[in-house]
Each structure stands twice: as C-alpha cells, then as structure tokens.
Amino acid sequence: DQKDFEKLREAATDAGAGQFDMVLDDGLHSTLTMFNTFVVLWPRVRPGGYYIAEDLHGCMYGPEWLHGNKDWCDQNEGVPTMF
C-alpha cells in the first residue's frame, strides 16, 4: 500500500538487505503515492543506483487519470505535480 509509510518500509525490508541497485516505481500513478514511495525507497538506493518512476502525469490529464487523487488536485490547482 503506497499510501502507508509503514507498509512501504516493511515491503522494502522484506525485499532484501535494504539496499537496491534499481527501483522502478510503476505503482498507483498518483502524486501522493509516488511521493511516499520516493521518500521511503530513495534512501535505500545504493550510490550509483537508479530510481525510475514512470507515468509522472499527476493531475495533468483530467479525471480519468486521477486514480482517486481528484480532491488533492482540486485543492492544489496550479501546484506542479511532477518532480
């Protein structure tokens, strides 16, 4: 569950020694969950490793792309949604 920091930490620990050569985030595609995943996993990427997040569309494309993120998009109109 990318919305839950503790579950993300547990999954990262369960996945191995806690250091990754590469992380590919192909998850829920919402700004919130991508940010949460980055915060938890980026520190676990080895020096020289890669962190790849795909579908960085955030709120740009309209309701069919929001994946439950419409309230955040409405409240933060004009805020950049890509990082």
C-alpha atoms as a PDB file:
ATOM      1  CA  ASP A   1       0.000   0.000   0.000  1.00  0.00           C
ATOM      2  CA  GLN A   2       1.830   3.083  -1.248  1.00  0.00           C
ATOM      3  CA  LYS A   3      -0.350   5.329   0.899  1.00  0.00           C
ATOM      4  CA  ASP A   4       1.057   3.815   4.129  1.00  0.00           C
ATOM      5  CA  PHE A   5       4.671   4.659   5.025  1.00  0.00           C
ATOM      6  CA  GLU A   6       4.994   1.774   7.491  1.00  0.00           C
ATOM      7  CA  LYS A   7       3.800  -0.808   4.962  1.00  0.00           C
ATOM      8  CA  LEU A   8       6.215   0.625   2.392  1.00  0.00           C
ATOM      9  CA  ARG A   9       9.087   0.325   4.886  1.00  0.00           C
ATOM     10  CA  GLU A  10       8.111  -3.261   5.692  1.00  0.00           C
ATOM     11  CA  ALA A  11       7.933  -4.172   1.999  1.00  0.00           C
ATOM     12  CA  ALA A  12      11.345  -2.616   1.352  1.00  0.00           C
ATOM     13  CA  THR A  13      12.864  -4.555   4.246  1.00  0.00           C
ATOM     14  CA  ASP A  14      11.198  -7.792   3.145  1.00  0.00           C
ATOM     15  CA  ALA A  15      12.524  -7.310  -0.402  1.00  0.00           C
ATOM     16  CA  GLY A  16      16.141  -7.703   0.627  1.00  0.00           C
ATOM     17  CA  ALA A  17      19.012  -6.279   2.575  1.00  0.00           C
ATOM     18  CA  GLY A  18      17.569  -2.787   2.302  1.00  0.00           C
ATOM     19  CA  GLN A  19      19.855  -1.547  -0.467  1.00  0.00           C
ATOM     20  CA  PHE A  20      18.754  -1.619  -4.099  1.00  0.00           C
ATOM     21  CA  ASP A  21      20.677  -1.208  -7.331  1.00  0.00           C
ATOM     22  CA  MET A  22      17.494  -0.026  -9.024  1.00  0.00           C
ATOM     23  CA  VAL A  23      13.939   0.894  -8.067  1.00  0.00           C
ATOM     24  CA  LEU A  24      11.203   1.088 -10.700  1.00  0.00           C
ATOM     25  CA  ASP A  25       8.015   2.704  -9.402  1.00  0.00           C
ATOM     26  CA  ASP A  26       5.124   1.516 -11.563  1.00  0.00           C
ATOM     27  CA  GLY A  27       2.524   1.831  -8.838  1.00  0.00           C
ATOM     28  CA  LEU A  28      -0.678   3.796  -8.383  1.00  0.00           C
ATOM     29  CA  HIS A  29       0.413   6.773 -10.537  1.00  0.00           C
ATOM     30  CA  SER A  30      -0.869   9.402  -8.134  1.00  0.00           C
ATOM     31  CA  THR A  31       1.286  12.258  -6.890  1.00  0.00           C
ATOM     32  CA  LEU A  32       0.782  11.289  -3.247  1.00  0.00           C
ATOM     33  CA  THR A  33       1.727   7.639  -3.618  1.00  0.00           C
ATOM     34  CA  MET A  34       4.690   8.359  -5.895  1.00  0.00           C
ATOM     35  CA  PHE A  35       5.999  10.890  -3.382  1.00  0.00           C
ATOM     36  CA  ASN A  36       5.548   8.449  -0.477  1.00  0.00           C
ATOM     37  CA  THR A  37       7.347   5.705  -2.351  1.00  0.00           C
ATOM     38  CA  PHE A  38      10.208   8.030  -3.276  1.00  0.00           C
ATOM     39  CA  VAL A  39      10.618   9.202   0.339  1.00  0.00           C
ATOM     40  CA  VAL A  40      10.834   5.616   1.607  1.00  0.00           C
ATOM     41  CA  LEU A  41      12.855   3.986  -1.184  1.00  0.00           C
ATOM     42  CA  TRP A  42      15.273   6.674  -2.389  1.00  0.00           C
ATOM     43  CA  PRO A  43      17.464   6.412   0.748  1.00  0.00           C
ATOM     44  CA  ARG A  44      17.721   2.657   0.076  1.00  0.00           C
ATOM     45  CA  VAL A  45      19.159   3.052  -3.437  1.00  0.00           C
ATOM     46  CA  ARG A  46      22.887   2.288  -3.488  1.00  0.00           C
ATOM     47  CA  PRO A  47      25.256   5.071  -4.568  1.00  0.00           C
ATOM     48  CA  GLY A  48      25.359   4.972  -8.367  1.00  0.00           C
ATOM     49  CA  GLY A  49      22.000   3.168  -8.466  1.00  0.00           C
ATOM     50  CA  TYR A  50      18.861   4.173 -10.337  1.00  0.00           C
ATOM     51  CA  TYR A  51      15.411   5.329  -9.245  1.00  0.00           C
ATOM     52  CA  ILE A  52      12.885   5.296 -12.082  1.00  0.00           C
ATOM     53  CA  ALA A  53       9.284   6.442 -11.745  1.00  0.00           C
ATOM     54  CA  GLU A  54       7.016   6.099 -14.743  1.00  0.00           C
ATOM     55  CA  ASP A  55       3.782   7.858 -15.663  1.00  0.00           C
ATOM     56  CA  LEU A  56       4.586  11.161 -13.963  1.00  0.00           C
ATOM     57  CA  HIS A  57       1.357  12.725 -15.158  1.00  0.00           C
ATOM     58  CA  GLY A  58      -0.047  13.692 -11.755  1.00  0.00           C
ATOM     59  CA  CYS A  59      -3.114  15.897 -12.277  1.00  0.00           C
ATOM     60  CA  MET A  60      -2.350  16.972 -15.833  1.00  0.00           C
ATOM     61  CA  TYR A  61      -4.726  14.840 -17.889  1.00  0.00           C
ATOM     62  CA  GLY A  62      -8.121  15.093 -16.251  1.00  0.00           C
ATOM     63  CA  PRO A  63     -10.441  12.924 -14.143  1.00  0.00           C
ATOM     64  CA  GLU A  64      -9.827   9.610 -15.910  1.00  0.00           C
ATOM     65  CA  TRP A  65      -6.143   9.767 -14.887  1.00  0.00           C
ATOM     66  CA  LEU A  66      -6.555  10.872 -11.259  1.00  0.00           C
ATOM     67  CA  HIS A  67      -6.833   7.433  -9.636  1.00  0.00           C
ATOM     68  CA  GLY A  68      -8.624   8.772  -6.572  1.00  0.00           C
ATOM     69  CA  ASN A  69      -6.469  11.894  -6.395  1.00  0.00           C
ATOM     70  CA  LYS A  70      -9.152  14.389  -7.531  1.00  0.00           C
ATOM     71  CA  ASP A  71      -9.541  16.092  -4.136  1.00  0.00           C
ATOM     72  CA  TRP A  72      -5.814  16.782  -3.888  1.00  0.00           C
ATOM     73  CA  CYS A  73      -5.747  18.126  -7.442  1.00  0.00           C
ATOM     74  CA  ASP A  74      -8.740  20.392  -6.799  1.00  0.00           C
ATOM     75  CA  GLN A  75      -7.210  21.781  -3.589  1.00  0.00           C
ATOM     76  CA  ASN A  76      -3.787  22.354  -5.145  1.00  0.00           C
ATOM     77  CA  GLU A  77      -4.675  23.803  -8.515  1.00  0.00           C
ATOM     78  CA  GLY A  78      -1.618  25.351 -10.103  1.00  0.00           C
ATOM     79  CA  VAL A  79       0.846  23.388  -7.961  1.00  0.00           C
ATOM     80  CA  PRO A  80       3.387  21.486 -10.090  1.00  0.00           C
ATOM     81  CA  THR A  81       2.539  17.801  -9.930  1.00  0.00           C
ATOM     82  CA  MET A  82       5.730  16.351 -11.364  1.00  0.00           C
ATOM     83  CA  PHE A  83       9.043  16.003  -9.581  1.00  0.00           C
END
